[in-house]
């Protein structure tokens, strides 16, 4: 994982082509980068982000911002009910309870 200006890049190796290639994973727009060496990869990632931001500026568009803090999820009705009850039993809003559950899960994964 790589990070620059709030954008996160995921990198994969293409052994057949002999290249490292990646994409920005925390926006919907498609931003990719590649290089032949690890040393060049970070610069290729930064250049792609800077190019994306410049492209958006030239078009008069706002670039996608990585994560707004809003997270909309659809649940089966019964799961929604159970989560709501768990939250209320701990004197928390459903939003606070779900946030804490996700924080715990993310910390456990490291």
N, C-alpha and C. Protein backbone atom coordinates (compact mmCIF):
# COMPACT_ATOMS: atom_id res chain seq x y z
N UNK A 1 0.84 -1.17 0.00
CA UNK A 1 0.00 0.00 0.00
C UNK A 1 0.89 1.24 0.00
N UNK A 2 0.46 2.25 -0.74
CA UNK A 2 1.18 3.51 -0.82
C UNK A 2 0.17 4.63 -0.58
N UNK A 3 0.64 5.75 -0.02
CA UNK A 3 -0.26 6.87 0.22
C UNK A 3 0.41 8.18 -0.17
N UNK A 4 -0.37 9.05 -0.82
CA UNK A 4 0.11 10.37 -1.24
C UNK A 4 -1.09 11.28 -1.36
N UNK A 5 -1.04 12.41 -0.65
CA UNK A 5 -2.12 13.41 -0.68
C UNK A 5 -3.48 12.81 -0.33
N UNK A 6 -3.48 11.78 0.52
CA UNK A 6 -4.72 11.14 0.93
C UNK A 6 -5.20 10.03 0.01
N UNK A 7 -4.54 9.85 -1.12
CA UNK A 7 -4.91 8.80 -2.06
C UNK A 7 -4.09 7.54 -1.76
N UNK A 8 -4.72 6.39 -1.86
CA UNK A 8 -4.07 5.13 -1.52
C UNK A 8 -3.91 4.29 -2.78
N UNK A 9 -2.69 3.80 -2.99
CA UNK A 9 -2.40 2.97 -4.14
C UNK A 9 -2.14 1.53 -3.73
N UNK A 10 -2.66 0.62 -4.52
CA UNK A 10 -2.43 -0.81 -4.33
C UNK A 10 -1.55 -1.28 -5.49
N UNK A 11 -0.52 -2.05 -5.20
CA UNK A 11 0.46 -2.45 -6.20
C UNK A 11 0.45 -3.97 -6.39
N UNK A 12 0.60 -4.38 -7.65
CA UNK A 12 0.72 -5.79 -7.99
C UNK A 12 1.92 -5.98 -8.89
N UNK A 13 2.41 -7.19 -8.95
CA UNK A 13 3.56 -7.52 -9.80
C UNK A 13 3.07 -8.32 -11.00
N UNK A 14 3.47 -7.91 -12.19
CA UNK A 14 3.22 -8.67 -13.40
C UNK A 14 4.56 -9.29 -13.80
N UNK A 15 4.78 -10.52 -13.36
CA UNK A 15 6.07 -11.17 -13.59
C UNK A 15 6.33 -11.40 -15.07
N UNK A 16 5.30 -11.73 -15.83
CA UNK A 16 5.49 -11.98 -17.26
C UNK A 16 5.95 -10.73 -17.99
N UNK A 17 5.35 -9.59 -17.67
CA UNK A 17 5.72 -8.34 -18.33
C UNK A 17 6.91 -7.67 -17.65
N UNK A 18 7.25 -8.13 -16.46
CA UNK A 18 8.38 -7.55 -15.74
C UNK A 18 8.11 -6.14 -15.24
N UNK A 19 6.86 -5.87 -14.83
CA UNK A 19 6.53 -4.54 -14.34
C UNK A 19 5.76 -4.61 -13.03
N UNK A 20 5.79 -3.51 -12.33
CA UNK A 20 4.96 -3.29 -11.16
C UNK A 20 3.85 -2.36 -11.62
N UNK A 21 2.62 -2.68 -11.31
CA UNK A 21 1.53 -1.80 -11.71
C UNK A 21 0.57 -1.65 -10.55
N UNK A 22 -0.07 -0.50 -10.52
CA UNK A 22 -0.98 -0.25 -9.41
C UNK A 22 -2.12 0.64 -9.80
N UNK A 23 -3.02 0.80 -8.85
CA UNK A 23 -4.16 1.67 -9.05
C UNK A 23 -4.51 2.33 -7.73
N UNK A 24 -5.14 3.50 -7.83
CA UNK A 24 -5.64 4.19 -6.65
C UNK A 24 -6.95 3.51 -6.27
N UNK A 25 -7.06 3.09 -5.01
CA UNK A 25 -8.20 2.26 -4.62
C UNK A 25 -9.25 3.00 -3.79
N UNK A 26 -8.99 4.24 -3.40
CA UNK A 26 -9.98 4.89 -2.53
C UNK A 26 -10.76 6.01 -3.22
N UNK A 27 -10.88 5.91 -4.55
CA UNK A 27 -11.78 6.77 -5.33
C UNK A 27 -12.40 5.93 -6.44
N UNK A 28 -13.49 6.44 -7.02
CA UNK A 28 -14.15 5.71 -8.11
C UNK A 28 -13.47 5.97 -9.45
N UNK A 29 -12.87 7.17 -9.62
CA UNK A 29 -12.17 7.44 -10.87
C UNK A 29 -11.01 6.45 -11.02
N UNK A 30 -10.63 6.18 -12.25
CA UNK A 30 -9.56 5.23 -12.50
C UNK A 30 -8.23 5.98 -12.63
N UNK A 31 -7.33 5.71 -11.70
CA UNK A 31 -6.00 6.29 -11.72
C UNK A 31 -5.02 5.14 -11.54
N UNK A 32 -4.16 4.93 -12.55
CA UNK A 32 -3.22 3.82 -12.51
C UNK A 32 -1.79 4.34 -12.64
N UNK A 33 -0.85 3.46 -12.36
CA UNK A 33 0.57 3.80 -12.47
C UNK A 33 1.36 2.50 -12.62
N UNK A 34 2.57 2.62 -13.18
CA UNK A 34 3.42 1.44 -13.32
C UNK A 34 4.88 1.85 -13.43
N UNK A 35 5.74 0.89 -13.16
CA UNK A 35 7.18 1.10 -13.33
C UNK A 35 7.86 -0.26 -13.44
N UNK A 36 9.10 -0.22 -13.78
CA UNK A 36 9.89 -1.46 -13.88
C UNK A 36 10.67 -1.74 -12.60
N UNK A 37 10.85 -0.71 -11.77
CA UNK A 37 11.62 -0.90 -10.53
C UNK A 37 10.85 -0.36 -9.34
N UNK A 38 11.20 -0.89 -8.18
CA UNK A 38 10.59 -0.42 -6.95
C UNK A 38 10.94 1.04 -6.71
N UNK A 39 12.18 1.39 -7.04
CA UNK A 39 12.64 2.76 -6.83
C UNK A 39 11.80 3.77 -7.63
N UNK A 40 11.38 3.40 -8.82
CA UNK A 40 10.60 4.31 -9.67
C UNK A 40 9.11 4.29 -9.33
N UNK A 41 8.66 3.28 -8.60
CA UNK A 41 7.24 3.09 -8.35
C UNK A 41 6.62 4.24 -7.56
N UNK A 42 7.29 4.67 -6.49
CA UNK A 42 6.75 5.76 -5.68
C UNK A 42 6.57 7.02 -6.51
N UNK A 43 7.56 7.32 -7.36
CA UNK A 43 7.45 8.52 -8.19
C UNK A 43 6.34 8.38 -9.22
N UNK A 44 6.19 7.20 -9.80
CA UNK A 44 5.12 6.97 -10.77
C UNK A 44 3.76 7.15 -10.11
N UNK A 45 3.63 6.69 -8.87
CA UNK A 45 2.38 6.85 -8.11
C UNK A 45 2.10 8.33 -7.89
N UNK A 46 3.09 9.06 -7.39
CA UNK A 46 2.92 10.51 -7.15
C UNK A 46 2.59 11.24 -8.44
N UNK A 47 3.30 10.91 -9.51
CA UNK A 47 3.04 11.57 -10.80
C UNK A 47 1.61 11.33 -11.26
N UNK A 48 1.11 10.12 -11.08
CA UNK A 48 -0.26 9.80 -11.50
C UNK A 48 -1.28 10.60 -10.70
N UNK A 49 -1.05 10.74 -9.41
CA UNK A 49 -1.96 11.54 -8.58
C UNK A 49 -1.90 12.99 -9.01
N UNK A 50 -0.69 13.52 -9.18
CA UNK A 50 -0.56 14.91 -9.61
C UNK A 50 -1.19 15.14 -10.99
N UNK A 51 -1.01 14.18 -11.91
CA UNK A 51 -1.64 14.28 -13.23
C UNK A 51 -3.16 14.28 -13.11
N UNK A 52 -3.68 13.42 -12.25
CA UNK A 52 -5.13 13.34 -12.04
C UNK A 52 -5.66 14.68 -11.52
N UNK A 53 -4.99 15.24 -10.54
CA UNK A 53 -5.42 16.51 -9.97
C UNK A 53 -5.34 17.64 -11.00
N UNK A 54 -4.29 17.64 -11.81
CA UNK A 54 -4.14 18.65 -12.87
C UNK A 54 -5.21 18.48 -13.94
N UNK A 55 -5.50 17.24 -14.33
CA UNK A 55 -6.53 16.94 -15.32
C UNK A 55 -7.89 17.48 -14.84
N UNK A 56 -8.21 17.21 -13.58
CA UNK A 56 -9.48 17.70 -13.03
C UNK A 56 -9.51 19.22 -13.04
N UNK A 57 -8.41 19.84 -12.68
CA UNK A 57 -8.33 21.30 -12.65
C UNK A 57 -8.53 21.89 -14.04
N UNK A 58 -7.89 21.30 -15.03
CA UNK A 58 -8.03 21.79 -16.40
C UNK A 58 -9.46 21.68 -16.90
N UNK A 59 -10.17 20.67 -16.46
CA UNK A 59 -11.56 20.48 -16.88
C UNK A 59 -12.54 21.26 -16.01
N UNK A 60 -12.03 21.92 -14.99
CA UNK A 60 -12.89 22.68 -14.09
C UNK A 60 -13.74 21.79 -13.20
N UNK A 61 -13.25 20.59 -12.94
CA UNK A 61 -13.98 19.62 -12.10
C UNK A 61 -13.26 19.45 -10.77
N UNK A 62 -14.02 19.15 -9.76
CA UNK A 62 -13.42 18.82 -8.48
C UNK A 62 -12.96 17.37 -8.52
N UNK A 63 -11.72 17.11 -8.12
CA UNK A 63 -11.27 15.71 -8.07
C UNK A 63 -12.03 14.97 -6.97
N UNK A 64 -12.16 13.68 -7.15
CA UNK A 64 -12.78 12.89 -6.09
C UNK A 64 -11.91 12.99 -4.86
N UNK A 65 -12.54 13.16 -3.73
CA UNK A 65 -11.82 13.19 -2.48
C UNK A 65 -11.87 11.80 -1.86
N UNK A 66 -10.73 11.35 -1.36
CA UNK A 66 -10.73 10.03 -0.72
C UNK A 66 -11.57 10.04 0.56
N UNK A 67 -12.64 9.32 0.55
CA UNK A 67 -13.49 9.08 1.71
C UNK A 67 -14.03 10.33 2.37
N UNK A 68 -15.32 10.40 2.41
CA UNK A 68 -16.00 11.54 3.01
C UNK A 68 -16.35 11.28 4.47
N UNK A 69 -16.28 10.04 4.90
CA UNK A 69 -16.72 9.69 6.24
C UNK A 69 -18.15 9.16 6.24
N UNK A 70 -18.81 9.24 5.10
CA UNK A 70 -20.16 8.67 4.97
C UNK A 70 -20.03 7.26 4.42
N UNK A 71 -20.81 6.36 4.99
CA UNK A 71 -20.75 4.96 4.60
C UNK A 71 -22.17 4.43 4.61
N UNK A 72 -22.74 4.24 3.44
CA UNK A 72 -24.12 3.76 3.34
C UNK A 72 -24.07 2.25 3.10
N UNK A 73 -24.85 1.55 3.87
CA UNK A 73 -24.85 0.08 3.76
C UNK A 73 -26.28 -0.43 3.82
N UNK A 74 -26.54 -1.45 3.04
CA UNK A 74 -27.86 -2.09 3.08
C UNK A 74 -27.70 -3.42 3.83
N UNK A 75 -28.61 -3.64 4.75
CA UNK A 75 -28.59 -4.86 5.56
C UNK A 75 -29.93 -5.57 5.44
N UNK A 76 -29.93 -6.87 5.64
CA UNK A 76 -31.21 -7.55 5.78
C UNK A 76 -31.94 -6.96 6.99
N UNK A 77 -33.24 -6.88 6.93
CA UNK A 77 -34.03 -6.25 7.99
C UNK A 77 -33.75 -6.85 9.36
N UNK A 78 -33.62 -8.16 9.44
CA UNK A 78 -33.39 -8.81 10.73
C UNK A 78 -32.02 -8.43 11.31
N UNK A 79 -31.00 -8.34 10.48
CA UNK A 79 -29.67 -7.93 10.95
C UNK A 79 -29.70 -6.48 11.41
N UNK A 80 -30.40 -5.63 10.68
CA UNK A 80 -30.56 -4.23 11.07
C UNK A 80 -31.21 -4.14 12.45
N UNK A 81 -32.25 -4.92 12.65
CA UNK A 81 -32.96 -4.93 13.94
C UNK A 81 -32.03 -5.36 15.06
N UNK A 82 -31.28 -6.44 14.85
CA UNK A 82 -30.38 -6.95 15.89
C UNK A 82 -29.28 -5.94 16.21
N UNK A 83 -28.74 -5.30 15.21
CA UNK A 83 -27.70 -4.29 15.44
C UNK A 83 -28.26 -3.12 16.22
N UNK A 84 -29.45 -2.68 15.87
CA UNK A 84 -30.10 -1.57 16.56
C UNK A 84 -30.30 -1.91 18.04
N UNK A 85 -30.76 -3.12 18.30
CA UNK A 85 -30.99 -3.55 19.69
C UNK A 85 -29.67 -3.59 20.45
N UNK A 86 -28.62 -4.15 19.84
CA UNK A 86 -27.29 -4.19 20.49
C UNK A 86 -26.83 -2.78 20.84
N UNK A 87 -27.00 -1.86 19.91
CA UNK A 87 -26.60 -0.48 20.14
C UNK A 87 -27.37 0.12 21.32
N UNK A 88 -28.66 -0.05 21.31
CA UNK A 88 -29.50 0.53 22.37
C UNK A 88 -29.18 -0.08 23.74
N UNK A 89 -28.87 -1.38 23.76
CA UNK A 89 -28.53 -2.03 25.03
C UNK A 89 -27.22 -1.51 25.62
N UNK A 90 -26.39 -0.92 24.78
CA UNK A 90 -25.13 -0.33 25.26
C UNK A 90 -25.21 1.20 25.33
N UNK A 91 -26.43 1.73 25.23
CA UNK A 91 -26.66 3.18 25.30
C UNK A 91 -25.88 3.95 24.24
N UNK A 92 -25.84 3.39 23.03
CA UNK A 92 -25.14 4.04 21.92
C UNK A 92 -26.09 4.19 20.74
N UNK A 93 -25.78 5.16 19.89
CA UNK A 93 -26.52 5.26 18.63
C UNK A 93 -26.07 4.10 17.76
N UNK A 94 -26.89 3.78 16.79
CA UNK A 94 -26.51 2.71 15.85
C UNK A 94 -25.22 3.10 15.13
N UNK A 95 -25.10 4.36 14.74
CA UNK A 95 -23.89 4.83 14.06
C UNK A 95 -22.65 4.62 14.94
N UNK A 96 -22.71 5.03 16.20
CA UNK A 96 -21.56 4.89 17.12
C UNK A 96 -21.22 3.42 17.31
N UNK A 97 -22.24 2.58 17.51
CA UNK A 97 -22.01 1.16 17.75
C UNK A 97 -21.34 0.51 16.53
N UNK A 98 -21.85 0.79 15.32
CA UNK A 98 -21.26 0.23 14.10
C UNK A 98 -19.82 0.72 13.93
N UNK A 99 -19.58 2.00 14.21
CA UNK A 99 -18.22 2.54 14.12
C UNK A 99 -17.28 1.78 15.03
N UNK A 100 -17.70 1.53 16.25
CA UNK A 100 -16.85 0.80 17.20
C UNK A 100 -16.61 -0.64 16.76
N UNK A 101 -17.63 -1.29 16.21
CA UNK A 101 -17.46 -2.66 15.73
C UNK A 101 -16.46 -2.70 14.57
N UNK A 102 -16.57 -1.76 13.65
CA UNK A 102 -15.64 -1.71 12.52
C UNK A 102 -14.24 -1.38 12.99
N UNK A 103 -14.10 -0.43 13.94
CA UNK A 103 -12.77 -0.09 14.47
C UNK A 103 -12.12 -1.33 15.08
N UNK A 104 -12.88 -2.10 15.83
CA UNK A 104 -12.35 -3.32 16.46
C UNK A 104 -11.91 -4.32 15.39
N UNK A 105 -12.73 -4.51 14.38
CA UNK A 105 -12.40 -5.46 13.30
C UNK A 105 -11.15 -5.03 12.54
N UNK A 106 -11.02 -3.75 12.27
CA UNK A 106 -9.85 -3.26 11.53
C UNK A 106 -8.59 -3.39 12.37
N UNK A 107 -8.66 -3.11 13.67
CA UNK A 107 -7.50 -3.24 14.55
C UNK A 107 -7.06 -4.68 14.67
N UNK A 108 -8.00 -5.61 14.69
CA UNK A 108 -7.68 -7.03 14.79
C UNK A 108 -6.93 -7.52 13.57
N UNK A 109 -7.21 -6.94 12.40
CA UNK A 109 -6.54 -7.35 11.17
C UNK A 109 -5.15 -6.76 11.06
N UNK A 110 -4.87 -5.74 11.83
CA UNK A 110 -3.54 -5.12 11.82
C UNK A 110 -3.42 -4.18 10.74
